[in-house]
Amino acid sequence: MTLRIGTRKSPLALAQAEEVRAKLLEAWPDRRFEIVPMMTSGDTFLDRPLAEIGGKGLFTKEIEAALLKREIDMAVHSIKDMQTNLPDGLTLGCVLEREDPRDVLVGQGVTSLADMPKGATFSTSSLRRSAQLLMLRPDLKIIPLRGSVQTRLGKIEKDEVQFTMLARAGLNRLQLWDVPGISLSTDEFLPAIAQGALGIECRDQDSDVLDLLSPLADIESETAILCERAFLRALDGSCHTPIAGYATVDGNQVHLRGLIVRPDGSAHHGINKIGEAKDAESIGESAGRELLEIAGKGFI
């Protein structure tokens, strides 16, 4: 029996699915796995920001519908694209070892955020990135830009765009080592929730698939992602809200740093929480609730 792995059709999504397929074959050399590329709403409507056309679910809903219809057996997602509450009948069956979570500031000759010329144009479709940039560099001019990694890099190469930002994990998975730019420390620029992490979604009652996924799971990454997604869920986060967060696990402790920012960068609130790794989800939830209280009604 061939097991079908659903994925988006973008070059990055296909590279991620191939990575998962290779890991599955390594763990289960006698099984067969087929990649099924699918087009999602998020890939189709590129002329408007995600916040205007439905948010995070745009990159997953068609694939999740195929899972529920048993047209595929599992789906590979960038977890940052997944909704915090999954459809009934589906579960996040596995979190793989997290890739580099950092953002990369892309542009010719750039060496730091401070190095960008005053009044420079910065292109992005991410509210989180634009809000954090304006918080640190209110002089920048933000221009909307959506599309694949290759599309955005092409605009930089043609000098149609001065600066943009991409996830280091995506560049690594596409083996794009020579992109002009600099990786930003998570201390300087907090990433998106679950940035760099791949998850495999499946039906929650499909014990055969869940057993197949177990050798691929990374417990530390899963703990950190559980904490971050609980933080996002407590904030009722969507593509309408600039939210950043990053959790790390050290032994039996988890450390979460979270941030909410006004879209124009004019105000922000941050939080640090440390606790037992076994309580990762409740730590994320309490951090989100505390941040809402600190920010006050109407901030989000």
C-alpha atoms as a PDB file:
ATOM      1  CA  MET A   1       0.000   0.000   0.000  1.00  0.00           C
ATOM      2  CA  THR A   2       1.327   3.435  -0.997  1.00  0.00           C
ATOM      3  CA  LEU A   3       0.826   6.198   1.559  1.00  0.00           C
ATOM      4  CA  ARG A   4       0.071   9.629   0.083  1.00  0.00           C
ATOM      5  CA  ILE A   5       1.759  12.773   1.442  1.00  0.00           C
ATOM      6  CA  GLY A   6      -0.119  15.989   0.692  1.00  0.00           C
ATOM      7  CA  THR A   7       1.714  19.264   0.223  1.00  0.00           C
ATOM      8  CA  ARG A   8       1.506  22.663  -1.436  1.00  0.00           C
ATOM      9  CA  LYS A   9       3.012  23.001  -4.921  1.00  0.00           C
ATOM     10  CA  SER A  10       5.568  25.708  -4.144  1.00  0.00           C
ATOM     11  CA  PRO A  11       9.256  24.775  -4.531  1.00  0.00           C
ATOM     12  CA  LEU A  12       9.808  25.168  -0.782  1.00  0.00           C
ATOM     13  CA  ALA A  13       6.772  23.051   0.140  1.00  0.00           C
ATOM     14  CA  LEU A  14       7.875  20.311  -2.262  1.00  0.00           C
ATOM     15  CA  ALA A  15      11.397  20.370  -0.806  1.00  0.00           C
ATOM     16  CA  GLN A  16       9.912  19.987   2.669  1.00  0.00           C
ATOM     17  CA  ALA A  17       7.718  17.090   1.572  1.00  0.00           C
ATOM     18  CA  GLU A  18      10.715  15.383  -0.047  1.00  0.00           C
ATOM     19  CA  GLU A  19      12.632  15.789   3.220  1.00  0.00           C
ATOM     20  CA  VAL A  20       9.808  14.102   5.117  1.00  0.00           C
ATOM     21  CA  ARG A  21       9.480  11.339   2.526  1.00  0.00           C
ATOM     22  CA  ALA A  22      13.221  10.615   2.804  1.00  0.00           C
ATOM     23  CA  LYS A  23      12.973  10.391   6.601  1.00  0.00           C
ATOM     24  CA  LEU A  24       9.974   8.068   6.364  1.00  0.00           C
ATOM     25  CA  LEU A  25      11.790   5.802   3.898  1.00  0.00           C
ATOM     26  CA  GLU A  26      14.825   5.733   6.182  1.00  0.00           C
ATOM     27  CA  ALA A  27      12.638   4.649   9.102  1.00  0.00           C
ATOM     28  CA  TRP A  28      10.415   2.333   7.054  1.00  0.00           C
ATOM     29  CA  PRO A  29      12.359   1.098   3.971  1.00  0.00           C
ATOM     30  CA  ASP A  30       9.708  -1.492   3.144  1.00  0.00           C
ATOM     31  CA  ARG A  31       6.888   1.046   2.852  1.00  0.00           C
ATOM     32  CA  ARG A  32       5.997   3.228  -0.149  1.00  0.00           C
ATOM     33  CA  PHE A  33       5.286   6.956   0.040  1.00  0.00           C
ATOM     34  CA  GLU A  34       3.978   9.196  -2.733  1.00  0.00           C
ATOM     35  CA  ILE A  35       3.980  13.010  -2.707  1.00  0.00           C
ATOM     36  CA  VAL A  36       0.704  14.602  -3.833  1.00  0.00           C
ATOM     37  CA  PRO A  37       1.157  18.317  -4.693  1.00  0.00           C
ATOM     38  CA  MET A  38      -1.942  20.468  -4.214  1.00  0.00           C
ATOM     39  CA  MET A  39      -2.871  24.069  -4.941  1.00  0.00           C
ATOM     40  CA  THR A  40      -4.216  26.076  -1.989  1.00  0.00           C
ATOM     41  CA  SER A  41      -6.095  29.362  -1.820  1.00  0.00           C
ATOM     42  CA  GLY A  42      -2.988  30.996  -0.366  1.00  0.00           C
ATOM     43  CA  ASP A  43      -1.056  30.055  -3.503  1.00  0.00           C
ATOM     44  CA  THR A  44      -3.807  31.224  -5.846  1.00  0.00           C
ATOM     45  CA  PHE A  45      -4.617  34.717  -4.558  1.00  0.00           C
ATOM     46  CA  LEU A  46      -1.313  36.586  -4.581  1.00  0.00           C
ATOM     47  CA  ASP A  47      -2.610  40.075  -5.283  1.00  0.00           C
ATOM     48  CA  ARG A  48      -3.755  40.847  -1.727  1.00  0.00           C
ATOM     49  CA  PRO A  49      -2.322  40.501   1.809  1.00  0.00           C
ATOM     50  CA  LEU A  50      -3.301  37.292   3.609  1.00  0.00           C
ATOM     51  CA  ALA A  51      -5.125  39.274   6.290  1.00  0.00           C
ATOM     52  CA  GLU A  52      -7.548  40.555   3.653  1.00  0.00           C
ATOM     53  CA  ILE A  53      -8.449  37.165   2.209  1.00  0.00           C
ATOM     54  CA  GLY A  54      -8.721  34.836   5.189  1.00  0.00           C
ATOM     55  CA  GLY A  55      -5.461  34.440   7.084  1.00  0.00           C
ATOM     56  CA  LYS A  56      -3.525  31.316   8.019  1.00  0.00           C
ATOM     57  CA  GLY A  57      -6.017  28.666   6.907  1.00  0.00           C
ATOM     58  CA  LEU A  58      -5.544  29.689   3.269  1.00  0.00           C
ATOM     59  CA  PHE A  59      -2.403  27.556   3.055  1.00  0.00           C
ATOM     60  CA  THR A  60      -3.923  24.463   4.648  1.00  0.00           C
ATOM     61  CA  LYS A  61      -7.697  24.197   4.187  1.00  0.00           C
ATOM     62  CA  GLU A  62      -7.716  22.388   0.814  1.00  0.00           C
ATOM     63  CA  ILE A  63      -5.070  19.956   2.047  1.00  0.00           C
ATOM     64  CA  GLU A  64      -6.975  19.349   5.282  1.00  0.00           C
ATOM     65  CA  ALA A  65     -10.162  18.751   3.284  1.00  0.00           C
ATOM     66  CA  ALA A  66      -8.293  16.103   1.270  1.00  0.00           C
ATOM     67  CA  LEU A  67      -7.153  14.467   4.521  1.00  0.00           C
ATOM     68  CA  LEU A  68     -10.705  14.301   5.837  1.00  0.00           C
ATOM     69  CA  LYS A  69     -11.898  12.848   2.501  1.00  0.00           C
ATOM     70  CA  ARG A  70      -9.095  10.216   2.704  1.00  0.00           C
ATOM     71  CA  GLU A  71      -7.631  11.417  -0.603  1.00  0.00           C
ATOM     72  CA  ILE A  72      -4.262  11.664   1.171  1.00  0.00           C
ATOM     73  CA  ASP A  73      -2.934   9.968   4.308  1.00  0.00           C
ATOM     74  CA  MET A  74      -0.806  12.748   5.815  1.00  0.00           C
ATOM     75  CA  ALA A  75       0.159  16.336   5.061  1.00  0.00           C
ATOM     76  CA  VAL A  76       3.417  18.232   5.490  1.00  0.00           C
ATOM     77  CA  HIS A  77       3.073  21.845   6.653  1.00  0.00           C
ATOM     78  CA  SER A  78       5.232  24.692   7.811  1.00  0.00           C
ATOM     79  CA  ILE A  79       3.650  24.830  11.261  1.00  0.00           C
ATOM     80  CA  LYS A  80       3.665  28.637  11.212  1.00  0.00           C
ATOM     81  CA  ASP A  81       1.027  28.382   8.421  1.00  0.00           C
ATOM     82  CA  MET A  82      -1.293  26.168  10.480  1.00  0.00           C
ATOM     83  CA  GLN A  83      -4.265  27.415  12.465  1.00  0.00           C
ATOM     84  CA  THR A  84      -3.925  26.962  16.215  1.00  0.00           C
ATOM     85  CA  ASN A  85      -7.197  25.011  16.323  1.00  0.00           C
ATOM     86  CA  LEU A  86      -7.204  22.169  13.808  1.00  0.00           C
ATOM     87  CA  PRO A  87     -10.378  20.843  12.155  1.00  0.00           C
ATOM     88  CA  ASP A  88     -12.240  18.109  14.017  1.00  0.00           C
ATOM     89  CA  GLY A  89     -10.821  14.711  13.162  1.00  0.00           C
ATOM     90  CA  LEU A  90      -7.285  15.945  12.442  1.00  0.00           C
ATOM     91  CA  THR A  91      -4.191  16.147  14.633  1.00  0.00           C
ATOM     92  CA  LEU A  92      -0.585  17.298  14.471  1.00  0.00           C
ATOM     93  CA  GLY A  93       0.860  13.813  14.459  1.00  0.00           C
ATOM     94  CA  CYS A  94       4.522  14.761  14.473  1.00  0.00           C
ATOM     95  CA  VAL A  95       6.854  17.751  14.853  1.00  0.00           C
ATOM     96  CA  LEU A  96      10.236  17.253  13.215  1.00  0.00           C
ATOM     97  CA  GLU A  97      13.501  18.663  14.559  1.00  0.00           C
ATOM     98  CA  ARG A  98      13.290  22.413  14.126  1.00  0.00           C
ATOM     99  CA  GLU A  99      15.429  24.162  11.513  1.00  0.00           C
ATOM    100  CA  ASP A 100      17.061  27.568  12.089  1.00  0.00           C
ATOM    101  CA  PRO A 101      14.202  29.845  13.292  1.00  0.00           C
ATOM    102  CA  ARG A 102      15.848  33.171  12.392  1.00  0.00           C
ATOM    103  CA  ASP A 103      14.755  35.750   9.847  1.00  0.00           C
ATOM    104  CA  VAL A 104      17.190  36.858   7.151  1.00  0.00           C
ATOM    105  CA  LEU A 105      17.368  40.529   6.187  1.00  0.00           C
ATOM    106  CA  VAL A 106      17.918  40.360   2.426  1.00  0.00           C
ATOM    107  CA  GLY A 107      19.495  43.127   0.370  1.00  0.00           C
ATOM    108  CA  GLN A 108      22.703  44.035  -1.393  1.00  0.00           C
ATOM    109  CA  GLY A 109      25.465  45.025   1.010  1.00  0.00           C
ATOM    110  CA  VAL A 110      23.290  45.066   4.131  1.00  0.00           C
ATOM    111  CA  THR A 111      25.058  44.121   7.375  1.00  0.00           C
ATOM    112  CA  SER A 112      22.450  45.042  10.025  1.00  0.00           C
ATOM    113  CA  LEU A 113      19.037  46.617  10.544  1.00  0.00           C
ATOM    114  CA  ALA A 114      20.767  49.881  11.395  1.00  0.00           C
ATOM    115  CA  ASP A 115      22.740  49.667   8.150  1.00  0.00           C
ATOM    116  CA  MET A 116      19.683  50.155   5.923  1.00  0.00           C
ATOM    117  CA  PRO A 117      19.611  53.684   4.456  1.00  0.00           C
ATOM    118  CA  LYS A 118      17.214  56.166   6.061  1.00  0.00           C
ATOM    119  CA  GLY A 119      13.807  55.992   4.357  1.00  0.00           C
ATOM    120  CA  ALA A 120      14.654  52.743   2.541  1.00  0.00           C
ATOM    121  CA  THR A 121      11.839  50.691   1.034  1.00  0.00           C
ATOM    122  CA  PHE A 122      11.220  47.291   2.587  1.00  0.00           C
ATOM    123  CA  SER A 123       8.898  44.768   0.927  1.00  0.00           C
ATOM    124  CA  THR A 124       6.979  42.146   2.879  1.00  0.00           C
ATOM    125  CA  SER A 125       3.476  40.731   3.306  1.00  0.00           C
ATOM    126  CA  SER A 126       4.104  39.815   6.959  1.00  0.00           C
ATOM    127  CA  LEU A 127       2.477  42.078   9.545  1.00  0.00           C
ATOM    128  CA  ARG A 128       4.857  40.678  12.174  1.00  0.00           C
ATOM    129  CA  ARG A 129       7.929  41.587  10.159  1.00  0.00           C
ATOM    130  CA  SER A 130       6.702  45.023   9.119  1.00  0.00           C
ATOM    131  CA  ALA A 131       5.542  45.911  12.646  1.00  0.00           C
ATOM    132  CA  GLN A 132       8.833  44.841  14.259  1.00  0.00           C
ATOM    133  CA  LEU A 133      10.786  46.703  11.585  1.00  0.00           C
ATOM    134  CA  LEU A 134       8.798  49.892  12.146  1.00  0.00           C
ATOM    135  CA  MET A 135       9.245  49.466  15.893  1.00  0.00           C
ATOM    136  CA  LEU A 136      13.020  49.450  15.371  1.00  0.00           C
ATOM    137  CA  ARG A 137      13.230  51.623  12.244  1.00  0.00           C
ATOM    138  CA  PRO A 138      10.167  53.920  11.978  1.00  0.00           C
ATOM    139  CA  ASP A 139      11.747  55.705   9.003  1.00  0.00           C
ATOM    140  CA  LEU A 140      11.362  52.690   6.689  1.00  0.00           C
ATOM    141  CA  LYS A 141       8.742  52.605   3.944  1.00  0.00           C
ATOM    142  CA  ILE A 142       6.869  49.284   3.870  1.00  0.00           C
ATOM    143  CA  ILE A 143       5.622  47.969   0.514  1.00  0.00           C
ATOM    144  CA  PRO A 144       3.419  44.825   0.293  1.00  0.00           C
ATOM    145  CA  LEU A 145       5.032  41.840  -1.425  1.00  0.00           C
ATOM    146  CA  ARG A 146       3.803  38.246  -1.672  1.00  0.00           C
ATOM    147  CA  GLY A 147       5.019  35.262  -3.638  1.00  0.00           C
ATOM    148  CA  SER A 148       7.457  32.368  -3.434  1.00  0.00           C
ATOM    149  CA  VAL A 149      11.001  32.654  -2.103  1.00  0.00           C
ATOM    150  CA  GLN A 150      12.241  32.681  -5.711  1.00  0.00           C
ATOM    151  CA  THR A 151       9.820  35.468  -6.672  1.00  0.00           C
ATOM    152  CA  ARG A 152      10.969  37.697  -3.825  1.00  0.00           C
ATOM    153  CA  LEU A 153      14.651  37.025  -4.456  1.00  0.00           C
ATOM    154  CA  GLY A 154      14.115  37.777  -8.146  1.00  0.00           C
ATOM    155  CA  LYS A 155      12.796  41.232  -7.298  1.00  0.00           C
ATOM    156  CA  ILE A 156      15.893  41.909  -5.197  1.00  0.00           C
ATOM    157  CA  GLU A 157      18.178  40.768  -8.031  1.00  0.00           C
ATOM    158  CA  LYS A 158      16.371  43.010 -10.536  1.00  0.00           C
ATOM    159  CA  ASP A 159      16.562  45.991  -8.140  1.00  0.00           C
ATOM    160  CA  GLU A 160      12.751  46.182  -8.083  1.00  0.00           C
ATOM    161  CA  VAL A 161      12.930  45.896  -4.291  1.00  0.00           C
ATOM    162  CA  GLN A 162      15.601  47.306  -1.940  1.00  0.00           C
ATOM    163  CA  PHE A 163      15.129  44.993   1.033  1.00  0.00           C
ATOM    164  CA  THR A 164      12.965  42.079   2.097  1.00  0.00           C
ATOM    165  CA  MET A 165      13.039  39.352   4.734  1.00  0.00           C
ATOM    166  CA  LEU A 166      12.936  35.571   4.403  1.00  0.00           C
ATOM    167  CA  ALA A 167      13.074  32.658   6.830  1.00  0.00           C
ATOM    168  CA  ARG A 168      16.532  31.130   7.185  1.00  0.00           C
ATOM    169  CA  ALA A 169      14.916  27.687   7.405  1.00  0.00           C
ATOM    170  CA  GLY A 170      13.349  28.067   3.968  1.00  0.00           C
ATOM    171  CA  LEU A 171      16.608  29.219   2.401  1.00  0.00           C
ATOM    172  CA  ASN A 172      18.425  26.279   3.986  1.00  0.00           C
ATOM    173  CA  ARG A 173      15.868  23.768   2.737  1.00  0.00           C
ATOM    174  CA  LEU A 174      16.140  25.200  -0.785  1.00  0.00           C
ATOM    175  CA  GLN A 175      19.954  25.150  -0.474  1.00  0.00           C
ATOM    176  CA  LEU A 176      20.139  28.866  -1.215  1.00  0.00           C
ATOM    177  CA  TRP A 177      23.342  29.542   0.664  1.00  0.00           C
ATOM    178  CA  ASP A 178      24.535  32.670  -1.155  1.00  0.00           C
ATOM    179  CA  VAL A 179      21.540  34.984  -0.726  1.00  0.00           C
ATOM    180  CA  PRO A 180      22.803  38.534  -0.022  1.00  0.00           C
ATOM    181  CA  GLY A 181      21.866  39.460   3.524  1.00  0.00           C
ATOM    182  CA  ILE A 182      22.303  38.730   7.196  1.00  0.00           C
ATOM    183  CA  SER A 183      20.597  36.386   9.667  1.00  0.00           C
ATOM    184  CA  LEU A 184      19.042  38.331  12.545  1.00  0.00           C
ATOM    185  CA  SER A 185      19.500  37.040  16.079  1.00  0.00           C
ATOM    186  CA  THR A 186      16.289  35.981  17.809  1.00  0.00           C
ATOM    187  CA  ASP A 187      17.353  38.358  20.609  1.00  0.00           C
ATOM    188  CA  GLU A 188      17.148  41.228  18.121  1.00  0.00           C
ATOM    189  CA  PHE A 189      14.183  40.127  16.014  1.00  0.00           C
ATOM    190  CA  LEU A 190      11.683  37.552  17.273  1.00  0.00           C
ATOM    191  CA  PRO A 191      10.478  35.034  14.675  1.00  0.00           C
ATOM    192  CA  ALA A 192       6.961  33.957  13.825  1.00  0.00           C
ATOM    193  CA  ILE A 193       5.352  31.329  16.009  1.00  0.00           C
ATOM    194  CA  ALA A 194       6.786  27.917  15.000  1.00  0.00           C
ATOM    195  CA  GLN A 195       9.079  29.406  12.342  1.00  0.00           C
ATOM    196  CA  GLY A 196      11.457  26.762  11.025  1.00  0.00           C
ATOM    197  CA  ALA A 197       9.349  23.837  12.260  1.00  0.00           C
ATOM    198  CA  LEU A 198       7.740  21.213  10.034  1.00  0.00           C
ATOM    199  CA  GLY A 199       4.669  19.325  11.175  1.00  0.00           C
ATOM    200  CA  ILE A 200       2.895  16.307   9.765  1.00  0.00           C
ATOM    201  CA  GLU A 201      -0.882  16.419  10.052  1.00  0.00           C
ATOM    202  CA  CYS A 202      -3.012  13.299   9.874  1.00  0.00           C
ATOM    203  CA  ARG A 203      -6.371  11.908  10.939  1.00  0.00           C
ATOM    204  CA  ASP A 204      -6.516  11.586  14.720  1.00  0.00           C
ATOM    205  CA  GLN A 205      -7.856   8.027  14.610  1.00  0.00           C
ATOM    206  CA  ASP A 206      -5.348   6.763  12.032  1.00  0.00           C
ATOM    207  CA  SER A 207      -3.159   4.688  14.350  1.00  0.00           C
ATOM    208  CA  ASP A 208      -1.160   3.164  11.471  1.00  0.00           C
ATOM    209  CA  VAL A 209       0.012   6.582  10.254  1.00  0.00           C
ATOM    210  CA  LEU A 210       0.621   7.837  13.787  1.00  0.00           C
ATOM    211  CA  ASP A 211       2.865   4.813  14.421  1.00  0.00           C
ATOM    212  CA  LEU A 212       4.778   5.494  11.192  1.00  0.00           C
ATOM    213  CA  LEU A 213       5.380   9.099  12.243  1.00  0.00           C
ATOM    214  CA  SER A 214       6.694   8.357  15.735  1.00  0.00           C
ATOM    215  CA  PRO A 215      10.380   7.818  14.725  1.00  0.00           C
ATOM    216  CA  LEU A 216      10.425  11.264  13.069  1.00  0.00           C
ATOM    217  CA  ALA A 217       9.270  13.187  16.147  1.00  0.00           C
ATOM    218  CA  ASP A 218      11.665  15.504  17.988  1.00  0.00           C
ATOM    219  CA  ILE A 219      10.525  15.958  21.586  1.00  0.00           C
ATOM    220  CA  GLU A 220      12.375  19.225  22.285  1.00  0.00           C
ATOM    221  CA  SER A 221      11.018  20.850  19.124  1.00  0.00           C
ATOM    222  CA  GLU A 222       7.528  19.529  19.874  1.00  0.00           C
ATOM    223  CA  THR A 223       7.667  20.988  23.398  1.00  0.00           C
ATOM    224  CA  ALA A 224       8.787  24.405  22.146  1.00  0.00           C
ATOM    225  CA  ILE A 225       6.142  24.474  19.405  1.00  0.00           C
ATOM    226  CA  LEU A 226       3.413  23.400  21.838  1.00  0.00           C
ATOM    227  CA  CYS A 227       4.369  26.333  24.080  1.00  0.00           C
ATOM    228  CA  GLU A 228       4.466  28.853  21.216  1.00  0.00           C
ATOM    229  CA  ARG A 229       1.150  27.741  19.692  1.00  0.00           C
ATOM    230  CA  ALA A 230      -0.559  27.903  23.099  1.00  0.00           C
ATOM    231  CA  PHE A 231       0.759  31.474  23.432  1.00  0.00           C
ATOM    232  CA  LEU A 232      -0.654  32.358  20.011  1.00  0.00           C
ATOM    233  CA  ARG A 233      -3.964  30.670  20.776  1.00  0.00           C
ATOM    234  CA  ALA A 234      -4.374  32.626  24.017  1.00  0.00           C
ATOM    235  CA  LEU A 235      -3.834  35.850  22.071  1.00  0.00           C
ATOM    236  CA  ASP A 236      -6.344  34.691  19.451  1.00  0.00           C
ATOM    237  CA  GLY A 237      -3.600  35.347  16.946  1.00  0.00           C
ATOM    238  CA  SER A 238      -4.256  35.600  13.233  1.00  0.00           C
ATOM    239  CA  CYS A 239      -2.705  37.270  10.214  1.00  0.00           C
ATOM    240  CA  HIS A 240      -4.421  40.474  11.394  1.00  0.00           C
ATOM    241  CA  THR A 241      -2.201  40.722  14.477  1.00  0.00           C
ATOM    242  CA  PRO A 242       1.585  41.270  14.673  1.00  0.00           C
ATOM    243  CA  ILE A 243       2.633  38.542  17.138  1.00  0.00           C
ATOM    244  CA  ALA A 244       6.092  37.032  17.552  1.00  0.00           C
ATOM    245  CA  GLY A 245       7.321  34.336  19.892  1.00  0.00           C
ATOM    246  CA  TYR A 246      10.145  31.892  20.405  1.00  0.00           C
ATOM    247  CA  ALA A 247      10.493  29.073  22.937  1.00  0.00           C
ATOM    248  CA  THR A 248      13.635  27.107  23.717  1.00  0.00           C
ATOM    249  CA  VAL A 249      14.063  23.961  25.792  1.00  0.00           C
ATOM    250  CA  ASP A 250      17.044  23.414  28.088  1.00  0.00           C
ATOM    251  CA  GLY A 251      16.901  20.145  29.948  1.00  0.00           C
ATOM    252  CA  ASN A 252      13.609  20.089  31.852  1.00  0.00           C
ATOM    253  CA  GLN A 253      12.927  23.812  31.413  1.00  0.00           C
ATOM    254  CA  VAL A 254      11.243  25.802  28.668  1.00  0.00           C
ATOM    255  CA  HIS A 255      11.868  29.523  28.100  1.00  0.00           C
ATOM    256  CA  LEU A 256       9.338  31.555  26.102  1.00  0.00           C
ATOM    257  CA  ARG A 257       9.785  35.093  24.831  1.00  0.00           C
ATOM    258  CA  GLY A 258       6.733  36.734  23.302  1.00  0.00           C
ATOM    259  CA  LEU A 259       5.915  40.057  21.678  1.00  0.00           C
ATOM    260  CA  ILE A 260       2.876  41.921  20.396  1.00  0.00           C
ATOM    261  CA  VAL A 261       3.238  45.092  18.331  1.00  0.00           C
ATOM    262  CA  ARG A 262       0.902  47.653  16.839  1.00  0.00           C
ATOM    263  CA  PRO A 263       0.949  47.313  13.034  1.00  0.00           C
ATOM    264  CA  ASP A 264       2.595  50.724  12.687  1.00  0.00           C
ATOM    265  CA  GLY A 265       5.258  49.845  15.268  1.00  0.00           C
ATOM    266  CA  SER A 266       4.207  52.715  17.547  1.00  0.00           C
ATOM    267  CA  ALA A 267       3.725  50.536  20.649  1.00  0.00           C
ATOM    268  CA  HIS A 268       4.694  47.062  21.775  1.00  0.00           C
ATOM    269  CA  HIS A 269       4.616  44.754  24.787  1.00  0.00           C
ATOM    270  CA  GLY A 270       6.859  41.784  25.513  1.00  0.00           C
ATOM    271  CA  ILE A 271       6.953  38.930  27.997  1.00  0.00           C
ATOM    272  CA  ASN A 272       9.420  36.330  29.290  1.00  0.00           C
ATOM    273  CA  LYS A 273       8.303  33.081  30.924  1.00  0.00           C
ATOM    274  CA  ILE A 274      10.362  30.159  32.230  1.00  0.00           C
ATOM    275  CA  GLY A 275       8.963  26.945  33.626  1.00  0.00           C
ATOM    276  CA  GLU A 276       8.957  23.168  33.545  1.00  0.00           C
ATOM    277  CA  ALA A 277       9.010  21.697  30.048  1.00  0.00           C
ATOM    278  CA  LYS A 278       6.214  19.312  31.021  1.00  0.00           C
ATOM    279  CA  ASP A 279       4.013  22.393  31.519  1.00  0.00           C
ATOM    280  CA  ALA A 280       4.918  23.942  28.140  1.00  0.00           C
ATOM    281  CA  GLU A 281       1.341  24.387  26.954  1.00  0.00           C
ATOM    282  CA  SER A 282       0.088  26.011  30.163  1.00  0.00           C
ATOM    283  CA  ILE A 283       3.149  28.298  30.213  1.00  0.00           C
ATOM    284  CA  GLY A 284       2.318  29.491  26.703  1.00  0.00           C
ATOM    285  CA  GLU A 285      -1.337  30.030  27.595  1.00  0.00           C
ATOM    286  CA  SER A 286      -0.552  31.996  30.753  1.00  0.00           C
ATOM    287  CA  ALA A 287       2.018  34.125  28.888  1.00  0.00           C
ATOM    288  CA  GLY A 288      -0.594  35.028  26.289  1.00  0.00           C
ATOM    289  CA  ARG A 289      -3.209  35.911  28.900  1.00  0.00           C
ATOM    290  CA  GLU A 290      -0.706  38.009  30.886  1.00  0.00           C
ATOM    291  CA  LEU A 291       0.354  39.889  27.771  1.00  0.00           C
ATOM    292  CA  LEU A 292      -3.274  40.678  26.923  1.00  0.00           C
ATOM    293  CA  GLU A 293      -3.720  42.062  30.420  1.00  0.00           C
ATOM    294  CA  ILE A 294      -0.527  44.137  30.203  1.00  0.00           C
ATOM    295  CA  ALA A 295      -1.452  45.549  26.794  1.00  0.00           C
ATOM    296  CA  GLY A 296      -4.985  46.438  27.816  1.00  0.00           C
ATOM    297  CA  LYS A 297      -8.274  46.281  25.992  1.00  0.00           C
ATOM    298  CA  GLY A 298      -8.166  47.211  22.346  1.00  0.00           C
ATOM    299  CA  PHE A 299      -4.427  46.682  21.743  1.00  0.00           C
ATOM    300  CA  ILE A 300      -5.133  43.593  19.625  1.00  0.00           C
END
